[in-house]
């Protein structure tokens, strides 16, 4: 059995809350490349630079955390001209955690002054140390989010 891996993907908070509610994730504007790297039980932390994709209100926080539920990569028709790829996820109840106080301790950020540059590709693998540091700040407990609880997390 392969060891789980740890990832961070970049997505606005309003978009990831749709994913939490629906039990799925999308990455890099619906392209399949990043999602193909994921395996069942891999962990994904969602970093939200902004509150909404369309807006300019900064957030700079980790806003969701979950594990890949299965090996299925599928497309979902959101509109006539947007059919993004998705992966099923098991999300965990968590709180938003600002990245700012963690920057100095995160190994995946080598240039602490230009830390935002590390997120430019939208999907990165991190080591277990960084994952455990972020997870320890985010998780409320180890129960996965049920669909009915997901709406509460949006607030």
N, C-alpha and C. Protein backbone atom coordinates (compact mmCIF):
# COMPACT_ATOMS: atom_id res chain seq x y z
N UNK A 1 0.84 -1.19 0.00
CA UNK A 1 0.00 0.00 0.00
C UNK A 1 0.88 1.25 0.00
N UNK A 2 0.58 2.17 -0.88
CA UNK A 2 1.36 3.39 -0.97
C UNK A 2 1.00 4.34 0.17
N UNK A 3 2.01 5.06 0.61
CA UNK A 3 1.81 6.05 1.67
C UNK A 3 1.06 7.25 1.10
N UNK A 4 0.16 7.79 1.89
CA UNK A 4 -0.56 8.97 1.43
C UNK A 4 0.41 10.13 1.25
N UNK A 5 0.04 11.03 0.37
CA UNK A 5 0.83 12.23 0.11
C UNK A 5 0.03 13.44 0.55
N UNK A 6 0.68 14.59 0.55
CA UNK A 6 0.09 15.82 1.08
C UNK A 6 0.21 16.92 0.03
N UNK A 7 -0.90 17.63 -0.15
CA UNK A 7 -0.98 18.63 -1.21
C UNK A 7 -1.61 19.91 -0.69
N UNK A 8 -1.30 21.01 -1.35
CA UNK A 8 -2.01 22.27 -1.16
C UNK A 8 -2.49 22.71 -2.53
N UNK A 9 -3.74 23.13 -2.60
CA UNK A 9 -4.26 23.72 -3.83
C UNK A 9 -4.82 25.10 -3.49
N UNK A 10 -4.78 25.97 -4.47
CA UNK A 10 -5.19 27.36 -4.29
C UNK A 10 -6.58 27.55 -4.87
N UNK A 11 -7.50 28.05 -4.04
CA UNK A 11 -8.88 28.27 -4.48
C UNK A 11 -9.52 29.30 -3.55
N UNK A 12 -10.35 30.15 -4.11
CA UNK A 12 -11.04 31.14 -3.27
C UNK A 12 -11.94 30.43 -2.26
N UNK A 13 -12.20 31.10 -1.15
CA UNK A 13 -13.00 30.47 -0.10
C UNK A 13 -14.42 30.15 -0.59
N UNK A 14 -15.04 31.04 -1.34
CA UNK A 14 -16.40 30.75 -1.78
C UNK A 14 -16.45 29.53 -2.69
N UNK A 15 -15.43 29.32 -3.49
CA UNK A 15 -15.41 28.15 -4.37
C UNK A 15 -15.17 26.86 -3.59
N UNK A 16 -14.26 26.86 -2.63
CA UNK A 16 -14.02 25.62 -1.90
C UNK A 16 -15.20 25.28 -1.01
N UNK A 17 -15.94 26.25 -0.54
CA UNK A 17 -17.10 25.93 0.29
C UNK A 17 -18.17 25.21 -0.53
N UNK A 18 -18.25 25.50 -1.84
CA UNK A 18 -19.13 24.71 -2.72
C UNK A 18 -18.65 23.27 -2.77
N UNK A 19 -17.34 23.09 -2.84
CA UNK A 19 -16.78 21.75 -2.86
C UNK A 19 -17.02 21.00 -1.57
N UNK A 20 -16.85 21.68 -0.44
CA UNK A 20 -17.11 21.04 0.86
C UNK A 20 -18.56 20.58 0.93
N UNK A 21 -19.46 21.46 0.52
CA UNK A 21 -20.89 21.12 0.55
C UNK A 21 -21.19 19.92 -0.35
N UNK A 22 -20.55 19.85 -1.51
CA UNK A 22 -20.83 18.78 -2.46
C UNK A 22 -19.92 17.56 -2.34
N UNK A 23 -18.90 17.63 -1.48
CA UNK A 23 -17.99 16.51 -1.31
C UNK A 23 -17.05 16.28 -2.49
N UNK A 24 -16.59 17.38 -3.12
CA UNK A 24 -15.69 17.27 -4.27
C UNK A 24 -14.66 18.39 -4.25
N UNK A 25 -13.65 18.25 -5.09
CA UNK A 25 -12.70 19.34 -5.33
C UNK A 25 -12.46 19.48 -6.83
N UNK A 26 -12.15 20.69 -7.22
CA UNK A 26 -11.68 21.02 -8.55
C UNK A 26 -10.36 21.76 -8.34
N UNK A 27 -9.53 21.80 -9.35
CA UNK A 27 -8.26 22.52 -9.25
C UNK A 27 -7.90 23.12 -10.60
N UNK A 28 -7.14 24.19 -10.54
CA UNK A 28 -6.60 24.82 -11.75
C UNK A 28 -7.65 25.02 -12.84
N UNK A 29 -8.72 25.66 -12.47
CA UNK A 29 -9.80 26.02 -13.40
C UNK A 29 -10.41 24.82 -14.11
N UNK A 30 -10.49 23.70 -13.39
CA UNK A 30 -11.17 22.52 -13.91
C UNK A 30 -10.35 21.62 -14.79
N UNK A 31 -9.05 21.91 -14.93
CA UNK A 31 -8.19 21.06 -15.75
C UNK A 31 -7.87 19.76 -15.00
N UNK A 32 -7.65 18.65 -15.73
CA UNK A 32 -7.45 17.36 -15.07
C UNK A 32 -6.04 17.09 -14.55
N UNK A 33 -5.04 17.78 -15.04
CA UNK A 33 -3.64 17.45 -14.74
C UNK A 33 -3.31 17.26 -13.27
N UNK A 34 -3.62 18.24 -12.44
CA UNK A 34 -3.31 18.15 -11.01
C UNK A 34 -4.10 17.05 -10.34
N UNK A 35 -5.35 16.91 -10.71
CA UNK A 35 -6.21 15.92 -10.07
C UNK A 35 -5.75 14.49 -10.36
N UNK A 36 -5.07 14.29 -11.49
CA UNK A 36 -4.56 12.96 -11.84
C UNK A 36 -3.45 12.51 -10.90
N UNK A 37 -2.80 13.44 -10.24
CA UNK A 37 -1.71 13.11 -9.31
C UNK A 37 -2.21 12.52 -8.00
N UNK A 38 -3.48 12.79 -7.67
CA UNK A 38 -4.04 12.38 -6.39
C UNK A 38 -4.39 10.91 -6.35
N UNK A 39 -4.23 10.31 -5.17
CA UNK A 39 -4.61 8.93 -4.93
C UNK A 39 -5.52 8.87 -3.72
N UNK A 40 -6.29 7.80 -3.60
CA UNK A 40 -7.17 7.61 -2.45
C UNK A 40 -6.38 7.81 -1.15
N UNK A 41 -6.98 8.55 -0.23
CA UNK A 41 -6.43 8.89 1.09
C UNK A 41 -5.36 9.95 1.09
N UNK A 42 -4.93 10.46 -0.07
CA UNK A 42 -4.05 11.63 -0.06
C UNK A 42 -4.79 12.77 0.63
N UNK A 43 -4.05 13.60 1.32
CA UNK A 43 -4.62 14.78 2.01
C UNK A 43 -4.47 16.01 1.13
N UNK A 44 -5.48 16.86 1.14
CA UNK A 44 -5.42 18.13 0.41
C UNK A 44 -5.83 19.25 1.37
N UNK A 45 -4.97 20.27 1.44
CA UNK A 45 -5.28 21.49 2.18
C UNK A 45 -5.58 22.56 1.14
N UNK A 46 -6.62 23.33 1.38
CA UNK A 46 -7.05 24.36 0.44
C UNK A 46 -6.65 25.72 0.98
N UNK A 47 -5.84 26.43 0.19
CA UNK A 47 -5.37 27.77 0.54
C UNK A 47 -6.19 28.78 -0.25
N UNK A 48 -6.76 29.74 0.44
CA UNK A 48 -7.60 30.76 -0.21
C UNK A 48 -6.93 32.13 -0.09
N UNK A 49 -6.38 32.63 -1.18
CA UNK A 49 -5.79 33.96 -1.14
C UNK A 49 -6.86 35.05 -1.01
N UNK A 50 -8.08 34.74 -1.52
CA UNK A 50 -9.18 35.71 -1.49
C UNK A 50 -10.46 35.04 -1.00
N UNK A 51 -11.39 35.88 -0.56
CA UNK A 51 -12.68 35.39 -0.11
C UNK A 51 -13.50 34.88 -1.29
N UNK A 52 -13.55 35.66 -2.36
CA UNK A 52 -14.27 35.25 -3.56
C UNK A 52 -13.34 35.31 -4.77
N UNK A 53 -13.60 34.47 -5.72
CA UNK A 53 -12.79 34.44 -6.94
C UNK A 53 -12.88 35.77 -7.68
N UNK A 54 -14.08 36.32 -7.75
CA UNK A 54 -14.32 37.53 -8.52
C UNK A 54 -13.86 38.80 -7.78
N UNK A 55 -13.84 38.76 -6.47
CA UNK A 55 -13.55 39.95 -5.67
C UNK A 55 -12.07 40.17 -5.44
N UNK A 56 -11.79 41.21 -4.63
CA UNK A 56 -10.40 41.51 -4.32
C UNK A 56 -10.12 41.55 -2.81
N UNK A 57 -11.08 41.04 -2.01
CA UNK A 57 -10.87 41.01 -0.56
C UNK A 57 -9.92 39.87 -0.21
N UNK A 58 -8.74 40.23 0.31
CA UNK A 58 -7.74 39.24 0.66
C UNK A 58 -8.18 38.40 1.85
N UNK A 59 -7.75 37.14 1.84
CA UNK A 59 -7.99 36.26 2.98
C UNK A 59 -6.67 35.64 3.45
N UNK A 60 -5.87 35.11 2.54
CA UNK A 60 -4.56 34.52 2.83
C UNK A 60 -4.63 33.51 3.98
N UNK A 61 -5.53 32.52 3.82
CA UNK A 61 -5.74 31.54 4.88
C UNK A 61 -5.97 30.15 4.29
N UNK A 62 -5.67 29.15 5.10
CA UNK A 62 -6.04 27.78 4.78
C UNK A 62 -7.49 27.63 5.21
N UNK A 63 -8.36 27.17 4.31
CA UNK A 63 -9.80 27.25 4.56
C UNK A 63 -10.53 25.90 4.54
N UNK A 64 -9.90 24.85 4.08
CA UNK A 64 -10.54 23.53 4.07
C UNK A 64 -9.45 22.47 4.04
N UNK A 65 -9.82 21.28 4.53
CA UNK A 65 -8.89 20.16 4.55
C UNK A 65 -9.68 18.87 4.36
N UNK A 66 -9.13 17.99 3.55
CA UNK A 66 -9.84 16.73 3.32
C UNK A 66 -8.93 15.67 2.74
N UNK A 67 -9.52 14.49 2.57
CA UNK A 67 -8.82 13.35 1.98
C UNK A 67 -9.55 12.90 0.72
N UNK A 68 -8.76 12.48 -0.25
CA UNK A 68 -9.31 11.97 -1.50
C UNK A 68 -10.08 10.69 -1.19
N UNK A 69 -11.33 10.63 -1.64
CA UNK A 69 -12.23 9.53 -1.29
C UNK A 69 -12.04 8.27 -2.12
N UNK A 70 -11.61 8.42 -3.38
CA UNK A 70 -11.51 7.27 -4.27
C UNK A 70 -10.60 7.61 -5.44
N UNK A 71 -10.52 6.72 -6.40
CA UNK A 71 -9.64 6.92 -7.57
C UNK A 71 -10.36 7.57 -8.75
N UNK A 72 -11.62 7.92 -8.59
CA UNK A 72 -12.41 8.41 -9.71
C UNK A 72 -12.09 9.87 -10.07
N UNK A 73 -11.76 10.08 -11.32
CA UNK A 73 -11.62 11.41 -11.90
C UNK A 73 -12.78 11.55 -12.87
N UNK A 74 -13.60 12.57 -12.70
CA UNK A 74 -14.79 12.68 -13.54
C UNK A 74 -15.04 14.13 -13.91
N UNK A 75 -15.87 14.33 -14.92
CA UNK A 75 -16.26 15.67 -15.33
C UNK A 75 -17.69 15.95 -14.88
N UNK A 76 -17.95 17.24 -14.61
CA UNK A 76 -19.26 17.68 -14.17
C UNK A 76 -19.64 18.92 -14.99
N UNK A 77 -20.81 18.87 -15.61
CA UNK A 77 -21.25 19.98 -16.46
C UNK A 77 -21.83 21.10 -15.60
N UNK A 78 -21.08 22.19 -15.47
CA UNK A 78 -21.55 23.34 -14.71
C UNK A 78 -22.31 24.32 -15.60
N UNK A 79 -21.92 24.36 -16.88
CA UNK A 79 -22.62 25.18 -17.87
C UNK A 79 -22.31 24.58 -19.25
N UNK A 80 -22.90 25.14 -20.27
CA UNK A 80 -22.69 24.62 -21.63
C UNK A 80 -21.22 24.61 -22.03
N UNK A 81 -20.48 25.63 -21.57
CA UNK A 81 -19.08 25.72 -22.00
C UNK A 81 -18.08 25.52 -20.87
N UNK A 82 -18.52 25.00 -19.72
CA UNK A 82 -17.60 24.72 -18.62
C UNK A 82 -17.95 23.37 -17.99
N UNK A 83 -17.10 22.39 -18.30
CA UNK A 83 -17.30 21.02 -17.80
C UNK A 83 -15.99 20.60 -17.11
N UNK A 84 -15.80 21.06 -15.88
CA UNK A 84 -14.53 20.82 -15.18
C UNK A 84 -14.39 19.39 -14.67
N UNK A 85 -13.14 19.01 -14.43
CA UNK A 85 -12.83 17.73 -13.81
C UNK A 85 -12.91 17.89 -12.31
N UNK A 86 -13.31 16.79 -11.63
CA UNK A 86 -13.46 16.79 -10.18
C UNK A 86 -12.93 15.50 -9.58
N UNK A 87 -12.68 15.55 -8.28
CA UNK A 87 -12.37 14.36 -7.47
C UNK A 87 -13.27 14.39 -6.25
N UNK A 88 -13.73 13.21 -5.82
CA UNK A 88 -14.53 13.09 -4.61
C UNK A 88 -13.63 13.23 -3.39
N UNK A 89 -14.13 13.96 -2.39
CA UNK A 89 -13.35 14.24 -1.19
C UNK A 89 -14.16 13.97 0.07
N UNK A 90 -13.45 13.61 1.14
CA UNK A 90 -14.01 13.56 2.48
C UNK A 90 -13.41 14.74 3.24
N UNK A 91 -14.23 15.72 3.53
CA UNK A 91 -13.75 16.93 4.21
C UNK A 91 -13.90 16.79 5.72
N UNK A 92 -13.09 17.54 6.45
CA UNK A 92 -13.09 17.52 7.91
C UNK A 92 -13.49 18.89 8.44
N UNK A 93 -14.22 18.93 9.55
CA UNK A 93 -14.54 20.22 10.17
C UNK A 93 -13.25 20.93 10.55
N UNK A 94 -13.14 22.19 10.18
CA UNK A 94 -11.91 22.92 10.48
C UNK A 94 -12.20 24.40 10.61
N UNK A 95 -11.20 25.10 11.06
CA UNK A 95 -11.30 26.56 11.12
C UNK A 95 -10.30 27.15 10.13
N UNK A 96 -10.59 28.36 9.67
CA UNK A 96 -9.66 29.06 8.80
C UNK A 96 -8.42 29.41 9.61
N UNK A 97 -7.25 29.26 8.97
CA UNK A 97 -5.99 29.55 9.63
C UNK A 97 -5.16 30.45 8.72
N UNK A 98 -4.82 31.62 9.20
CA UNK A 98 -3.99 32.56 8.44
C UNK A 98 -2.63 31.94 8.17
N UNK A 99 -2.13 32.15 6.96
CA UNK A 99 -0.81 31.64 6.63
C UNK A 99 0.30 32.50 7.24
N UNK A 100 0.03 33.77 7.46
CA UNK A 100 1.07 34.73 7.86
C UNK A 100 1.90 34.27 9.06
N UNK A 101 1.28 33.86 10.19
CA UNK A 101 2.12 33.45 11.32
C UNK A 101 2.84 32.10 11.11
N UNK A 102 2.49 31.37 10.07
CA UNK A 102 3.11 30.06 9.82
C UNK A 102 4.27 30.12 8.82
N UNK A 103 4.38 31.20 8.08
CA UNK A 103 5.36 31.28 6.98
C UNK A 103 6.76 30.89 7.41
N UNK A 104 7.23 31.41 8.53
CA UNK A 104 8.60 31.14 8.99
C UNK A 104 8.84 29.66 9.28
N UNK A 105 7.80 28.92 9.61
CA UNK A 105 7.93 27.51 9.98
C UNK A 105 7.66 26.53 8.84
N UNK A 106 7.19 27.02 7.71
CA UNK A 106 6.82 26.14 6.59
C UNK A 106 8.02 25.89 5.67
N UNK A 107 8.42 24.64 5.56
CA UNK A 107 9.58 24.27 4.74
C UNK A 107 9.35 24.46 3.25
N UNK A 108 8.11 24.32 2.78
CA UNK A 108 7.86 24.42 1.34
C UNK A 108 7.98 25.85 0.83
N UNK A 109 8.04 26.81 1.74
CA UNK A 109 8.25 28.21 1.35
C UNK A 109 9.72 28.55 1.63
N UNK A 110 10.53 28.52 0.58
CA UNK A 110 11.97 28.77 0.77
C UNK A 110 12.29 30.26 0.88
N UNK A 111 11.62 31.11 0.13
CA UNK A 111 11.84 32.55 0.20
C UNK A 111 10.74 33.17 1.05
N UNK A 112 11.03 33.41 2.30
CA UNK A 112 10.03 33.88 3.26
C UNK A 112 9.53 35.29 2.93
N UNK A 113 10.31 36.08 2.22
CA UNK A 113 9.89 37.43 1.86
C UNK A 113 8.95 37.43 0.65
N UNK A 114 9.13 36.46 -0.23
CA UNK A 114 8.30 36.36 -1.44
C UNK A 114 7.45 35.09 -1.36
N UNK A 115 6.85 34.84 -0.20
CA UNK A 115 6.16 33.58 0.07
C UNK A 115 5.01 33.29 -0.88
N UNK A 116 4.32 34.31 -1.36
CA UNK A 116 3.18 34.10 -2.24
C UNK A 116 3.55 33.49 -3.58
N UNK A 117 4.81 33.66 -3.97
CA UNK A 117 5.29 33.13 -5.24
C UNK A 117 5.16 31.61 -5.30
N UNK A 118 5.26 30.95 -4.18
CA UNK A 118 5.19 29.49 -4.11
C UNK A 118 3.84 28.94 -4.57
N UNK A 119 2.81 29.78 -4.51
CA UNK A 119 1.45 29.35 -4.87
C UNK A 119 1.09 29.62 -6.33
N UNK A 120 2.01 30.11 -7.11
CA UNK A 120 1.71 30.57 -8.47
C UNK A 120 1.14 29.50 -9.40
N UNK A 121 1.47 28.23 -9.17
CA UNK A 121 0.96 27.17 -10.06
C UNK A 121 -0.34 26.57 -9.55
N UNK A 122 -0.74 26.92 -8.33
CA UNK A 122 -2.05 26.52 -7.84
C UNK A 122 -2.18 25.14 -7.24
N UNK A 123 -1.11 24.32 -7.31
CA UNK A 123 -1.21 22.95 -6.81
C UNK A 123 0.20 22.47 -6.50
N UNK A 124 0.48 22.20 -5.22
CA UNK A 124 1.85 21.81 -4.85
C UNK A 124 1.83 20.67 -3.84
N UNK A 125 2.85 19.83 -3.94
CA UNK A 125 3.01 18.77 -2.95
C UNK A 125 3.86 19.30 -1.81
N UNK A 126 3.48 18.96 -0.58
CA UNK A 126 4.24 19.39 0.59
C UNK A 126 4.67 18.15 1.39
N UNK A 127 5.60 18.36 2.32
CA UNK A 127 6.05 17.24 3.13
C UNK A 127 5.17 17.05 4.36
N UNK A 128 5.40 15.96 5.06
CA UNK A 128 4.58 15.61 6.21
C UNK A 128 4.70 16.63 7.34
N UNK A 129 5.89 17.19 7.53
CA UNK A 129 6.09 18.21 8.57
C UNK A 129 5.17 19.40 8.34
N UNK A 130 5.19 19.95 7.14
CA UNK A 130 4.35 21.11 6.84
C UNK A 130 2.88 20.76 6.95
N UNK A 131 2.52 19.58 6.44
CA UNK A 131 1.13 19.15 6.53
C UNK A 131 0.68 19.09 7.99
N UNK A 132 1.46 18.44 8.84
CA UNK A 132 1.07 18.30 10.24
C UNK A 132 1.00 19.64 10.96
N UNK A 133 1.86 20.56 10.61
CA UNK A 133 1.81 21.90 11.21
C UNK A 133 0.50 22.59 10.87
N UNK A 134 0.13 22.58 9.59
CA UNK A 134 -1.11 23.24 9.15
C UNK A 134 -2.33 22.49 9.69
N UNK A 135 -2.34 21.18 9.55
CA UNK A 135 -3.47 20.38 10.02
C UNK A 135 -3.71 20.59 11.52
N UNK A 136 -2.66 20.66 12.29
CA UNK A 136 -2.79 20.85 13.73
C UNK A 136 -3.48 22.15 14.09
N UNK A 137 -3.32 23.16 13.27
CA UNK A 137 -3.98 24.45 13.50
C UNK A 137 -5.42 24.47 13.00
N UNK A 138 -5.73 23.64 12.00
CA UNK A 138 -7.03 23.69 11.33
C UNK A 138 -8.09 22.78 11.91
N UNK A 139 -7.71 21.53 12.23
CA UNK A 139 -8.71 20.53 12.55
C UNK A 139 -9.37 20.71 13.91
N UNK A 140 -10.67 20.55 13.92
CA UNK A 140 -11.45 20.58 15.15
C UNK A 140 -11.49 19.20 15.77
N UNK A 141 -11.64 18.17 14.94
CA UNK A 141 -11.62 16.77 15.37
C UNK A 141 -11.38 15.91 14.14
N UNK A 142 -11.46 14.61 14.29
CA UNK A 142 -11.15 13.72 13.19
C UNK A 142 -12.36 13.18 12.44
N UNK A 143 -13.54 13.71 12.69
CA UNK A 143 -14.73 13.25 11.98
C UNK A 143 -14.84 13.96 10.64
N UNK A 144 -15.20 13.22 9.61
CA UNK A 144 -15.41 13.85 8.31
C UNK A 144 -16.71 14.64 8.33
N UNK A 145 -16.79 15.61 7.46
CA UNK A 145 -17.97 16.46 7.36
C UNK A 145 -19.08 15.71 6.65
N UNK A 146 -20.25 15.70 7.25
CA UNK A 146 -21.42 15.13 6.59
C UNK A 146 -22.03 16.22 5.72
N UNK A 147 -22.72 15.84 4.68
CA UNK A 147 -23.33 16.80 3.77
C UNK A 147 -24.16 17.84 4.52
N UNK A 148 -24.93 17.41 5.53
CA UNK A 148 -25.79 18.32 6.27
C UNK A 148 -25.00 19.33 7.10
N UNK A 149 -23.78 18.97 7.48
CA UNK A 149 -22.95 19.88 8.27
C UNK A 149 -22.21 20.88 7.41
N UNK A 150 -22.07 20.59 6.13
CA UNK A 150 -21.26 21.42 5.25
C UNK A 150 -21.77 22.84 5.15
N UNK A 151 -23.09 23.02 5.17
CA UNK A 151 -23.63 24.37 5.08
C UNK A 151 -23.23 25.21 6.28
N UNK A 152 -23.14 24.60 7.45
CA UNK A 152 -22.72 25.32 8.64
C UNK A 152 -21.30 25.83 8.48
N UNK A 153 -20.44 25.04 7.82
CA UNK A 153 -19.06 25.43 7.63
C UNK A 153 -18.90 26.63 6.69
N UNK A 154 -19.90 26.89 5.87
CA UNK A 154 -19.81 28.00 4.94
C UNK A 154 -19.87 29.34 5.65
N UNK A 155 -20.37 29.36 6.86
CA UNK A 155 -20.55 30.62 7.58
C UNK A 155 -19.31 31.02 8.34
